[in-house]
Amino acid sequence: MQITSNEICNTKYIQIYLTEDELKKQEIKEIIDKYKKEKYSLAIFTTGKENYPEILKKIIANRLN
C-alpha cells in the first residue's frame, strides 16, 4: 500500500494505492475508515495483483508525454 496526502485551501486529500488483496485486509479497512471519519477527501486506486509502484510510474510517464 502507498498513501499520498496533500492539503489545499484547508481541504485534506488522501490517495491510497493498493492491490485487491490488500483492500480485503481488516487493518487497511480501519485505515480507510479513520481517514473518512477525519473528513479527508479520499481516493482509492486498486491494481489487482500487479505492483502498484510500477503502475504509478506508467501513469506519471504517460502524463509527461
N, C-alpha and C. Protein backbone atom coordinates (compact mmCIF):
# COMPACT_ATOMS: atom_id res chain seq x y z
N MET A 1 0.85 -1.17 0.00
CA MET A 1 0.00 0.00 0.00
C MET A 1 0.89 1.23 0.00
N GLN A 2 0.42 2.25 -0.71
CA GLN A 2 1.10 3.53 -0.72
C GLN A 2 0.05 4.62 -0.51
N ILE A 3 0.36 5.59 0.35
CA ILE A 3 -0.57 6.67 0.64
C ILE A 3 0.11 7.99 0.32
N THR A 4 -0.59 8.84 -0.41
CA THR A 4 -0.11 10.20 -0.63
C THR A 4 -1.15 11.15 -0.05
N SER A 5 -0.67 12.25 0.52
CA SER A 5 -1.60 13.21 1.11
C SER A 5 -1.19 14.62 0.73
N ASN A 6 -2.18 15.51 0.77
CA ASN A 6 -1.95 16.90 0.42
C ASN A 6 -3.05 17.72 1.08
N GLU A 7 -2.76 18.98 1.34
CA GLU A 7 -3.78 19.88 1.87
C GLU A 7 -3.76 21.15 1.03
N ILE A 8 -4.92 21.49 0.49
CA ILE A 8 -5.06 22.67 -0.35
C ILE A 8 -6.25 23.47 0.17
N CYS A 9 -6.00 24.71 0.52
CA CYS A 9 -7.07 25.60 1.00
C CYS A 9 -7.88 24.95 2.12
N ASN A 10 -7.19 24.40 3.09
CA ASN A 10 -7.81 23.77 4.27
C ASN A 10 -8.63 22.53 3.95
N THR A 11 -8.47 21.97 2.75
CA THR A 11 -9.11 20.70 2.42
C THR A 11 -8.02 19.64 2.36
N LYS A 12 -8.22 18.55 3.09
CA LYS A 12 -7.24 17.47 3.15
C LYS A 12 -7.59 16.39 2.13
N TYR A 13 -6.60 16.00 1.35
CA TYR A 13 -6.78 14.98 0.32
C TYR A 13 -5.87 13.79 0.60
N ILE A 14 -6.40 12.59 0.41
CA ILE A 14 -5.64 11.35 0.57
C ILE A 14 -5.88 10.48 -0.65
N GLN A 15 -4.80 9.93 -1.19
CA GLN A 15 -4.90 8.93 -2.25
C GLN A 15 -4.24 7.67 -1.73
N ILE A 16 -4.94 6.56 -1.84
CA ILE A 16 -4.43 5.27 -1.38
C ILE A 16 -4.33 4.34 -2.59
N TYR A 17 -3.14 3.82 -2.81
CA TYR A 17 -2.87 2.88 -3.90
C TYR A 17 -2.60 1.52 -3.28
N LEU A 18 -3.36 0.51 -3.69
CA LEU A 18 -3.17 -0.82 -3.13
C LEU A 18 -3.68 -1.89 -4.08
N THR A 19 -3.38 -3.13 -3.73
CA THR A 19 -3.85 -4.26 -4.53
C THR A 19 -5.22 -4.70 -4.01
N GLU A 20 -5.92 -5.50 -4.79
CA GLU A 20 -7.22 -6.02 -4.36
C GLU A 20 -7.08 -6.84 -3.08
N ASP A 21 -6.00 -7.60 -2.97
CA ASP A 21 -5.79 -8.41 -1.77
C ASP A 21 -5.59 -7.53 -0.53
N GLU A 22 -4.86 -6.43 -0.67
CA GLU A 22 -4.64 -5.53 0.46
C GLU A 22 -5.95 -4.88 0.89
N LEU A 23 -6.81 -4.56 -0.07
CA LEU A 23 -8.08 -3.91 0.24
C LEU A 23 -8.97 -4.79 1.10
N LYS A 24 -8.81 -6.08 1.03
CA LYS A 24 -9.62 -7.03 1.79
C LYS A 24 -9.18 -7.13 3.26
N LYS A 25 -7.99 -6.67 3.59
CA LYS A 25 -7.46 -6.80 4.95
C LYS A 25 -8.16 -5.85 5.91
N GLN A 26 -8.42 -6.34 7.11
CA GLN A 26 -9.12 -5.55 8.13
C GLN A 26 -8.32 -4.30 8.51
N GLU A 27 -7.01 -4.41 8.64
CA GLU A 27 -6.21 -3.25 9.05
C GLU A 27 -6.27 -2.13 8.00
N ILE A 28 -6.37 -2.48 6.74
CA ILE A 28 -6.49 -1.49 5.67
C ILE A 28 -7.86 -0.82 5.74
N LYS A 29 -8.89 -1.62 5.97
CA LYS A 29 -10.24 -1.07 6.11
C LYS A 29 -10.31 -0.08 7.27
N GLU A 30 -9.60 -0.38 8.35
CA GLU A 30 -9.57 0.52 9.51
C GLU A 30 -8.87 1.83 9.18
N ILE A 31 -7.80 1.77 8.40
CA ILE A 31 -7.09 2.98 7.97
C ILE A 31 -8.01 3.85 7.12
N ILE A 32 -8.71 3.23 6.18
CA ILE A 32 -9.63 3.96 5.31
C ILE A 32 -10.74 4.60 6.14
N ASP A 33 -11.31 3.86 7.09
CA ASP A 33 -12.37 4.40 7.95
C ASP A 33 -11.86 5.58 8.77
N LYS A 34 -10.61 5.49 9.23
CA LYS A 34 -10.03 6.58 10.01
C LYS A 34 -9.99 7.87 9.19
N TYR A 35 -9.54 7.78 7.94
CA TYR A 35 -9.49 8.96 7.09
C TYR A 35 -10.88 9.49 6.78
N LYS A 36 -11.85 8.61 6.60
CA LYS A 36 -13.22 9.04 6.35
C LYS A 36 -13.77 9.81 7.55
N LYS A 37 -13.52 9.30 8.75
CA LYS A 37 -14.00 9.95 9.97
C LYS A 37 -13.35 11.31 10.18
N GLU A 38 -12.11 11.45 9.70
CA GLU A 38 -11.39 12.72 9.84
C GLU A 38 -11.72 13.68 8.70
N LYS A 39 -12.71 13.33 7.88
CA LYS A 39 -13.24 14.19 6.81
C LYS A 39 -12.22 14.50 5.71
N TYR A 40 -11.35 13.55 5.40
CA TYR A 40 -10.45 13.70 4.25
C TYR A 40 -11.23 13.43 2.97
N SER A 41 -10.84 14.11 1.89
CA SER A 41 -11.33 13.73 0.57
C SER A 41 -10.48 12.54 0.15
N LEU A 42 -11.10 11.41 -0.09
CA LEU A 42 -10.39 10.14 -0.21
C LEU A 42 -10.56 9.54 -1.60
N ALA A 43 -9.45 9.10 -2.19
CA ALA A 43 -9.48 8.36 -3.45
C ALA A 43 -8.72 7.06 -3.25
N ILE A 44 -9.31 5.96 -3.69
CA ILE A 44 -8.69 4.65 -3.55
C ILE A 44 -8.49 4.05 -4.93
N PHE A 45 -7.26 3.66 -5.22
CA PHE A 45 -6.91 3.07 -6.50
C PHE A 45 -6.47 1.63 -6.26
N THR A 46 -7.16 0.68 -6.89
CA THR A 46 -6.76 -0.73 -6.76
C THR A 46 -6.17 -1.20 -8.08
N THR A 47 -5.20 -2.13 -7.98
CA THR A 47 -4.46 -2.55 -9.16
C THR A 47 -4.47 -4.04 -9.40
N GLY A 48 -5.36 -4.76 -8.77
CA GLY A 48 -5.35 -6.20 -8.97
C GLY A 48 -4.12 -6.81 -8.31
N LYS A 49 -3.44 -7.68 -9.01
CA LYS A 49 -2.28 -8.35 -8.43
C LYS A 49 -0.97 -7.72 -8.88
N GLU A 50 -1.05 -6.65 -9.67
CA GLU A 50 0.15 -6.02 -10.18
C GLU A 50 0.82 -5.16 -9.11
N ASN A 51 2.04 -4.79 -9.36
CA ASN A 51 2.81 -3.97 -8.46
C ASN A 51 2.43 -2.50 -8.67
N TYR A 52 1.77 -1.88 -7.69
CA TYR A 52 1.27 -0.52 -7.89
C TYR A 52 2.34 0.54 -8.06
N PRO A 53 3.53 0.45 -7.45
CA PRO A 53 4.54 1.47 -7.77
C PRO A 53 4.90 1.50 -9.25
N GLU A 54 4.91 0.34 -9.89
CA GLU A 54 5.20 0.29 -11.32
C GLU A 54 4.06 0.94 -12.13
N ILE A 55 2.84 0.72 -11.69
CA ILE A 55 1.70 1.33 -12.37
C ILE A 55 1.74 2.85 -12.21
N LEU A 56 2.12 3.34 -11.02
CA LEU A 56 2.24 4.78 -10.82
C LEU A 56 3.29 5.37 -11.74
N LYS A 57 4.40 4.68 -11.92
CA LYS A 57 5.44 5.16 -12.83
C LYS A 57 4.89 5.28 -14.26
N LYS A 58 4.08 4.29 -14.67
CA LYS A 58 3.49 4.34 -16.00
C LYS A 58 2.54 5.52 -16.14
N ILE A 59 1.73 5.77 -15.11
CA ILE A 59 0.79 6.89 -15.15
C ILE A 59 1.56 8.21 -15.28
N ILE A 60 2.59 8.36 -14.47
CA ILE A 60 3.39 9.60 -14.49
C ILE A 60 4.08 9.76 -15.83
N ALA A 61 4.65 8.68 -16.35
CA ALA A 61 5.33 8.74 -17.65
C ALA A 61 4.37 9.13 -18.75
N ASN A 62 3.14 8.61 -18.71
CA ASN A 62 2.14 8.94 -19.73
C ASN A 62 1.72 10.41 -19.65
N ARG A 63 1.66 10.96 -18.45
CA ARG A 63 1.28 12.37 -18.30
C ARG A 63 2.37 13.30 -18.79
N LEU A 64 3.62 12.88 -18.69
CA LEU A 64 4.73 13.71 -19.12
C LEU A 64 4.90 13.73 -20.63
N ASN A 65 4.37 12.71 -21.30
CA ASN A 65 4.50 12.63 -22.76
C ASN A 65 3.42 13.37 -23.49
